[in-house]
Amino acid sequence: MAARLEAIERAGESHPELLPRARTLTRSGRWLVLHAARLSGPLGDQQIAVILEPVGAAEVAPLVLQAYGLTDREAQVAQLILRGLSTGEIADRLFITALTVQQHLKAIFDKIGVRSRRELVAHVFAEQYLPRMLERASTD
């Protein structure tokens, strides 16, 4: 991370979207995001901080879906399903027909091994969120 930040700085790039950022799955099954930033202050120009923080729910879904080998478009459709959008809303948002949405849904269901939108949502919930909830409940 620090080396990537230095390379970006040497290239004269200062766009925030180019700052080094990576997501990783820990042994406990939690996702973390790592990113690097230059510290400010008297010694700031010499110091780089590498920050680790939990990944937000909005960043976890794409990672989970990627593990199933979905195409980019299938992943977009699946994410919108997870947000609760209807076929028509997805079609409008992605500028495709409702029939194309249905075709993507069929491919998504086949790849993930579910038969409906409800099963898809339940599957992602059970795989990613339920273990965390149970872990928190056992530590309370």
C-alpha atoms as a PDB file:
ATOM      1  CA  MET A   1       0.000   0.000   0.000  1.00  0.00           C
ATOM      2  CA  ALA A   2       2.682   2.499   0.973  1.00  0.00           C
ATOM      3  CA  ALA A   3       4.772   1.693  -2.109  1.00  0.00           C
ATOM      4  CA  ARG A   4       1.731   2.163  -4.354  1.00  0.00           C
ATOM      5  CA  LEU A   5       0.996   5.543  -2.750  1.00  0.00           C
ATOM      6  CA  GLU A   6       4.594   6.650  -3.325  1.00  0.00           C
ATOM      7  CA  ALA A   7       4.402   5.521  -6.972  1.00  0.00           C
ATOM      8  CA  ILE A   8       1.217   7.530  -7.468  1.00  0.00           C
ATOM      9  CA  GLU A   9       2.831  10.572  -5.894  1.00  0.00           C
ATOM     10  CA  ARG A  10       5.970  10.207  -8.067  1.00  0.00           C
ATOM     11  CA  ALA A  11       3.743  10.096 -11.141  1.00  0.00           C
ATOM     12  CA  GLY A  12       2.221  13.399 -10.054  1.00  0.00           C
ATOM     13  CA  GLU A  13      -1.263  11.971  -9.607  1.00  0.00           C
ATOM     14  CA  SER A  14      -3.370  13.415  -6.824  1.00  0.00           C
ATOM     15  CA  HIS A  15      -6.838  12.056  -7.599  1.00  0.00           C
ATOM     16  CA  PRO A  16      -8.492  10.498  -4.513  1.00  0.00           C
ATOM     17  CA  GLU A  17      -9.908   7.644  -6.624  1.00  0.00           C
ATOM     18  CA  LEU A  18      -6.341   6.570  -7.438  1.00  0.00           C
ATOM     19  CA  LEU A  19      -5.256   6.186  -3.830  1.00  0.00           C
ATOM     20  CA  PRO A  20      -4.219   2.613  -3.003  1.00  0.00           C
ATOM     21  CA  ARG A  21      -7.128   0.555  -1.711  1.00  0.00           C
ATOM     22  CA  ALA A  22      -7.622  -3.172  -1.320  1.00  0.00           C
ATOM     23  CA  ARG A  23     -10.202  -5.458   0.276  1.00  0.00           C
ATOM     24  CA  THR A  24      -9.319  -8.724   1.942  1.00  0.00           C
ATOM     25  CA  LEU A  25     -11.160 -11.518   3.705  1.00  0.00           C
ATOM     26  CA  THR A  26      -9.801 -12.355   7.154  1.00  0.00           C
ATOM     27  CA  ARG A  27      -9.564 -15.856   8.604  1.00  0.00           C
ATOM     28  CA  SER A  28     -12.635 -15.123  10.714  1.00  0.00           C
ATOM     29  CA  GLY A  29     -14.657 -14.388   7.559  1.00  0.00           C
ATOM     30  CA  ARG A  30     -14.775 -10.619   7.941  1.00  0.00           C
ATOM     31  CA  TRP A  31     -13.933  -8.267   5.108  1.00  0.00           C
ATOM     32  CA  LEU A  32     -11.442  -5.460   5.680  1.00  0.00           C
ATOM     33  CA  VAL A  33     -10.447  -2.569   3.470  1.00  0.00           C
ATOM     34  CA  LEU A  34      -6.846  -1.407   3.521  1.00  0.00           C
ATOM     35  CA  HIS A  35      -5.818   1.995   2.258  1.00  0.00           C
ATOM     36  CA  ALA A  36      -2.802   4.243   2.470  1.00  0.00           C
ATOM     37  CA  ALA A  37      -2.655   7.986   3.063  1.00  0.00           C
ATOM     38  CA  ARG A  38       0.090  10.534   3.545  1.00  0.00           C
ATOM     39  CA  LEU A  39       0.097  12.010   7.055  1.00  0.00           C
ATOM     40  CA  SER A  40       0.084  15.773   7.465  1.00  0.00           C
ATOM     41  CA  GLY A  41       2.039  17.804   9.986  1.00  0.00           C
ATOM     42  CA  PRO A  42       5.711  18.590  10.568  1.00  0.00           C
ATOM     43  CA  LEU A  43       6.869  15.090   9.569  1.00  0.00           C
ATOM     44  CA  GLY A  44       3.885  14.284   7.388  1.00  0.00           C
ATOM     45  CA  ASP A  45       5.757  14.405   4.140  1.00  0.00           C
ATOM     46  CA  GLN A  46       7.848  11.475   5.369  1.00  0.00           C
ATOM     47  CA  GLN A  47       5.160   9.300   6.953  1.00  0.00           C
ATOM     48  CA  ILE A  48       2.475   7.133   5.407  1.00  0.00           C
ATOM     49  CA  ALA A  49      -0.381   5.561   7.337  1.00  0.00           C
ATOM     50  CA  VAL A  50      -1.831   2.221   6.253  1.00  0.00           C
ATOM     51  CA  ILE A  51      -5.367   2.004   7.560  1.00  0.00           C
ATOM     52  CA  LEU A  52      -7.418  -1.151   8.098  1.00  0.00           C
ATOM     53  CA  GLU A  53     -11.152  -0.874   8.639  1.00  0.00           C
ATOM     54  CA  PRO A  54     -14.234  -3.058   8.308  1.00  0.00           C
ATOM     55  CA  VAL A  55     -15.827  -3.050   4.880  1.00  0.00           C
ATOM     56  CA  GLY A  56     -19.313  -1.569   4.718  1.00  0.00           C
ATOM     57  CA  ALA A  57     -22.245  -3.680   3.570  1.00  0.00           C
ATOM     58  CA  ALA A  58     -22.391  -1.876   0.223  1.00  0.00           C
ATOM     59  CA  GLU A  59     -18.856  -3.062  -0.545  1.00  0.00           C
ATOM     60  CA  VAL A  60     -19.380  -6.652   0.597  1.00  0.00           C
ATOM     61  CA  ALA A  61     -22.150  -7.629  -1.833  1.00  0.00           C
ATOM     62  CA  PRO A  62     -20.048  -7.124  -4.990  1.00  0.00           C
ATOM     63  CA  LEU A  63     -17.270  -9.243  -3.493  1.00  0.00           C
ATOM     64  CA  VAL A  64     -19.650 -12.047  -2.568  1.00  0.00           C
ATOM     65  CA  LEU A  65     -21.247 -12.000  -6.003  1.00  0.00           C
ATOM     66  CA  GLN A  66     -17.853 -11.978  -7.710  1.00  0.00           C
ATOM     67  CA  ALA A  67     -17.031 -15.281  -6.011  1.00  0.00           C
ATOM     68  CA  TYR A  68     -19.818 -16.946  -8.031  1.00  0.00           C
ATOM     69  CA  GLY A  69     -18.333 -16.006 -11.383  1.00  0.00           C
ATOM     70  CA  LEU A  70     -21.090 -13.618 -12.393  1.00  0.00           C
ATOM     71  CA  THR A  71     -20.491 -11.380 -15.371  1.00  0.00           C
ATOM     72  CA  ASP A  72     -20.300  -7.650 -14.672  1.00  0.00           C
ATOM     73  CA  ARG A  73     -23.883  -7.169 -15.850  1.00  0.00           C
ATOM     74  CA  GLU A  74     -25.167 -10.142 -13.833  1.00  0.00           C
ATOM     75  CA  ALA A  75     -23.461  -8.703 -10.747  1.00  0.00           C
ATOM     76  CA  GLN A  76     -25.130  -5.339 -11.383  1.00  0.00           C
ATOM     77  CA  VAL A  77     -28.531  -7.005 -11.671  1.00  0.00           C
ATOM     78  CA  ALA A  78     -27.917  -9.096  -8.537  1.00  0.00           C
ATOM     79  CA  GLN A  79     -26.897  -6.042  -6.524  1.00  0.00           C
ATOM     80  CA  LEU A  80     -30.077  -4.270  -7.554  1.00  0.00           C
ATOM     81  CA  ILE A  81     -32.085  -7.343  -6.569  1.00  0.00           C
ATOM     82  CA  LEU A  82     -30.402  -7.268  -3.156  1.00  0.00           C
ATOM     83  CA  ARG A  83     -31.496  -3.637  -2.857  1.00  0.00           C
ATOM     84  CA  GLY A  84     -35.092  -4.683  -3.498  1.00  0.00           C
ATOM     85  CA  LEU A  85     -35.633  -3.249  -6.980  1.00  0.00           C
ATOM     86  CA  SER A  86     -38.283  -4.736  -9.265  1.00  0.00           C
ATOM     87  CA  THR A  87     -37.607  -6.073 -12.769  1.00  0.00           C
ATOM     88  CA  GLY A  88     -38.954  -2.850 -14.287  1.00  0.00           C
ATOM     89  CA  GLU A  89     -36.847  -0.665 -12.009  1.00  0.00           C
ATOM     90  CA  ILE A  90     -33.724  -2.672 -12.857  1.00  0.00           C
ATOM     91  CA  ALA A  91     -34.487  -2.447 -16.571  1.00  0.00           C
ATOM     92  CA  ASP A  92     -34.906   1.325 -16.320  1.00  0.00           C
ATOM     93  CA  ARG A  93     -31.770   1.782 -14.235  1.00  0.00           C
ATOM     94  CA  LEU A  94     -29.572  -0.331 -16.544  1.00  0.00           C
ATOM     95  CA  PHE A  95     -31.218   0.758 -19.830  1.00  0.00           C
ATOM     96  CA  ILE A  96     -32.113  -2.807 -20.800  1.00  0.00           C
ATOM     97  CA  THR A  97     -35.425  -4.591 -21.408  1.00  0.00           C
ATOM     98  CA  ALA A  98     -37.355  -6.459 -18.744  1.00  0.00           C
ATOM     99  CA  LEU A  99     -36.772  -9.646 -20.765  1.00  0.00           C
ATOM    100  CA  THR A 100     -33.005  -9.083 -20.585  1.00  0.00           C
ATOM    101  CA  VAL A 101     -33.285  -8.618 -16.805  1.00  0.00           C
ATOM    102  CA  GLN A 102     -35.152 -11.942 -16.596  1.00  0.00           C
ATOM    103  CA  GLN A 103     -32.449 -13.656 -18.664  1.00  0.00           C
ATOM    104  CA  HIS A 104     -29.767 -12.292 -16.348  1.00  0.00           C
ATOM    105  CA  LEU A 105     -31.790 -13.462 -13.336  1.00  0.00           C
ATOM    106  CA  LYS A 106     -31.943 -16.984 -14.716  1.00  0.00           C
ATOM    107  CA  ALA A 107     -28.155 -17.024 -15.186  1.00  0.00           C
ATOM    108  CA  ILE A 108     -27.617 -15.586 -11.692  1.00  0.00           C
ATOM    109  CA  PHE A 109     -29.906 -18.170 -10.083  1.00  0.00           C
ATOM    110  CA  ASP A 110     -28.139 -21.006 -11.946  1.00  0.00           C
ATOM    111  CA  LYS A 111     -24.668 -19.837 -10.933  1.00  0.00           C
ATOM    112  CA  ILE A 112     -25.526 -19.220  -7.283  1.00  0.00           C
ATOM    113  CA  GLY A 113     -27.771 -22.257  -6.920  1.00  0.00           C
ATOM    114  CA  VAL A 114     -31.003 -20.543  -5.951  1.00  0.00           C
ATOM    115  CA  ARG A 115     -34.445 -20.471  -7.583  1.00  0.00           C
ATOM    116  CA  SER A 116     -35.851 -17.069  -6.681  1.00  0.00           C
ATOM    117  CA  ARG A 117     -35.083 -13.529  -5.616  1.00  0.00           C
ATOM    118  CA  ARG A 118     -36.011 -14.414  -2.049  1.00  0.00           C
ATOM    119  CA  GLU A 119     -33.595 -17.336  -2.034  1.00  0.00           C
ATOM    120  CA  LEU A 120     -30.864 -15.097  -3.449  1.00  0.00           C
ATOM    121  CA  VAL A 121     -31.331 -12.528  -0.689  1.00  0.00           C
ATOM    122  CA  ALA A 122     -31.554 -15.245   1.968  1.00  0.00           C
ATOM    123  CA  HIS A 123     -28.444 -16.960   0.610  1.00  0.00           C
ATOM    124  CA  VAL A 124     -26.332 -13.782   0.686  1.00  0.00           C
ATOM    125  CA  PHE A 125     -27.677 -12.914   4.132  1.00  0.00           C
ATOM    126  CA  ALA A 126     -26.954 -16.392   5.511  1.00  0.00           C
ATOM    127  CA  GLU A 127     -23.483 -16.457   3.990  1.00  0.00           C
ATOM    128  CA  GLN A 128     -22.302 -12.975   4.952  1.00  0.00           C
ATOM    129  CA  TYR A 129     -24.391 -11.412   7.668  1.00  0.00           C
ATOM    130  CA  LEU A 130     -25.816 -14.208   9.806  1.00  0.00           C
ATOM    131  CA  PRO A 131     -22.385 -15.495  10.956  1.00  0.00           C
ATOM    132  CA  ARG A 132     -21.444 -11.975  12.117  1.00  0.00           C
ATOM    133  CA  MET A 133     -24.719 -11.576  13.981  1.00  0.00           C
ATOM    134  CA  LEU A 134     -24.278 -14.931  15.698  1.00  0.00           C
ATOM    135  CA  GLU A 135     -20.682 -14.092  16.574  1.00  0.00           C
ATOM    136  CA  ARG A 136     -21.722 -10.792  18.153  1.00  0.00           C
ATOM    137  CA  ALA A 137     -24.535 -12.503  20.073  1.00  0.00           C
ATOM    138  CA  SER A 138     -22.139 -15.092  21.502  1.00  0.00           C
ATOM    139  CA  THR A 139     -19.738 -12.398  22.776  1.00  0.00           C
ATOM    140  CA  ASP A 140     -22.476 -10.389  24.539  1.00  0.00           C
END
